[in-house]
């Protein structure tokens, strides 16, 4: 949870789990390939053009974040969360 200190400004930062598999990217779904999305973000937010080696490293890192949600996962209290279809609520409650 990230907060500015004011109750009305509270927001939850989404997880990066499975980010390499959640295309399309951006709020409008305008980019379908993860690598292109990272190039665009680097230019707009960092003012940098990433070389292929850097993109390869980032792609490997994001790929390492891909996997099943652990059965013992429990969302923060008071936050809404929809479990993925491959995780059953019984698994979460029992762990």
Protein backbone atom coordinates (compact mmCIF):
# COMPACT_ATOMS: atom_id res chain seq x y z
CA UNK A 1 0.00 0.00 0.00
CA UNK A 2 1.30 3.45 -0.91
CA UNK A 3 -0.11 6.55 0.73
CA UNK A 4 0.41 10.29 0.57
CA UNK A 5 -0.76 10.54 4.16
CA UNK A 6 -4.28 11.61 3.24
CA UNK A 7 -6.97 8.95 3.46
CA UNK A 8 -8.55 9.99 0.15
CA UNK A 9 -5.21 9.54 -1.68
CA UNK A 10 -4.61 5.90 -0.74
CA UNK A 11 -4.02 3.56 -3.64
CA UNK A 12 -2.63 0.10 -4.19
CA UNK A 13 0.27 -0.51 -6.56
CA UNK A 14 -0.40 -3.54 -8.75
CA UNK A 15 1.86 -6.57 -8.57
CA UNK A 16 4.37 -7.30 -11.32
CA UNK A 17 3.57 -11.02 -11.11
CA UNK A 18 2.91 -12.31 -14.64
CA UNK A 19 3.44 -8.85 -16.16
CA UNK A 20 5.16 -10.42 -19.19
CA UNK A 21 1.93 -12.30 -19.91
CA UNK A 22 -0.65 -9.56 -19.41
CA UNK A 23 -0.75 -7.83 -22.78
CA UNK A 24 -2.00 -5.53 -24.11
CA UNK A 25 -0.12 -2.84 -22.23
CA UNK A 26 -0.87 0.75 -21.20
CA UNK A 27 -4.21 2.08 -20.03
CA UNK A 28 -5.59 2.04 -23.56
CA UNK A 29 -4.18 -1.35 -24.61
CA UNK A 30 -2.33 0.30 -27.49
CA UNK A 31 0.82 -1.87 -27.30
CA UNK A 32 0.59 -5.64 -27.60
CA UNK A 33 4.27 -6.54 -27.17
CA UNK A 34 6.01 -6.22 -23.81
CA UNK A 35 9.38 -5.29 -25.32
CA UNK A 36 7.87 -2.35 -27.23
CA UNK A 37 6.06 -1.17 -24.10
CA UNK A 38 9.37 -1.13 -22.18
CA UNK A 39 11.07 0.82 -24.99
CA UNK A 40 8.31 3.43 -24.90
CA UNK A 41 8.38 3.71 -21.10
CA UNK A 42 12.17 4.15 -21.12
CA UNK A 43 11.96 6.99 -23.64
CA UNK A 44 9.01 8.80 -22.07
CA UNK A 45 9.76 8.32 -18.37
CA UNK A 46 13.55 8.04 -18.32
CA UNK A 47 14.54 9.96 -21.44
CA UNK A 48 16.67 6.98 -22.52
CA UNK A 49 16.77 4.58 -25.43
CA UNK A 50 17.56 1.09 -24.19
CA UNK A 51 19.93 -1.12 -26.17
CA UNK A 52 19.10 -4.74 -26.99
CA UNK A 53 21.26 -6.10 -24.16
CA UNK A 54 19.37 -4.02 -21.58
CA UNK A 55 16.03 -5.05 -23.06
CA UNK A 56 17.13 -8.71 -22.96
CA UNK A 57 18.02 -8.37 -19.27
CA UNK A 58 14.71 -6.70 -18.44
CA UNK A 59 12.83 -9.33 -20.42
CA UNK A 60 14.60 -12.10 -18.48
CA UNK A 61 13.76 -10.39 -15.17
CA UNK A 62 10.10 -9.95 -16.07
CA UNK A 63 9.97 -13.56 -17.23
CA UNK A 64 11.28 -14.61 -13.83
CA UNK A 65 8.20 -12.96 -12.28
CA UNK A 66 5.92 -15.31 -14.21
CA UNK A 67 4.34 -18.10 -12.22
CA UNK A 68 1.35 -19.36 -10.34
CA UNK A 69 0.02 -17.41 -7.41
CA UNK A 70 0.97 -19.32 -4.24
CA UNK A 71 -1.84 -21.12 -2.47
CA UNK A 72 -1.03 -19.27 0.76
CA UNK A 73 -1.56 -15.84 -0.85
CA UNK A 74 -3.87 -13.52 1.04
CA UNK A 75 -4.77 -10.03 -0.21
CA UNK A 76 -4.36 -7.10 2.18
CA UNK A 77 -7.26 -6.70 4.57
CA UNK A 78 -9.92 -4.37 3.24
CA UNK A 79 -8.69 -4.53 -0.36
CA UNK A 80 -10.77 -6.11 -3.07
CA UNK A 81 -9.00 -8.80 -5.06
CA UNK A 82 -10.24 -11.30 -7.61
CA UNK A 83 -8.37 -14.59 -7.48
CA UNK A 84 -7.19 -15.97 -10.82
CA UNK A 85 -9.15 -18.96 -12.05
CA UNK A 86 -6.26 -21.35 -11.35
CA UNK A 87 -6.24 -20.48 -7.62
CA UNK A 88 -9.20 -21.71 -5.68
CA UNK A 89 -10.40 -19.85 -2.60
CA UNK A 90 -10.20 -23.05 -0.54
CA UNK A 91 -6.45 -23.17 -1.19
CA UNK A 92 -6.01 -19.65 0.12
CA UNK A 93 -8.12 -20.18 3.24
CA UNK A 94 -6.45 -23.46 4.15
CA UNK A 95 -2.91 -22.05 3.96
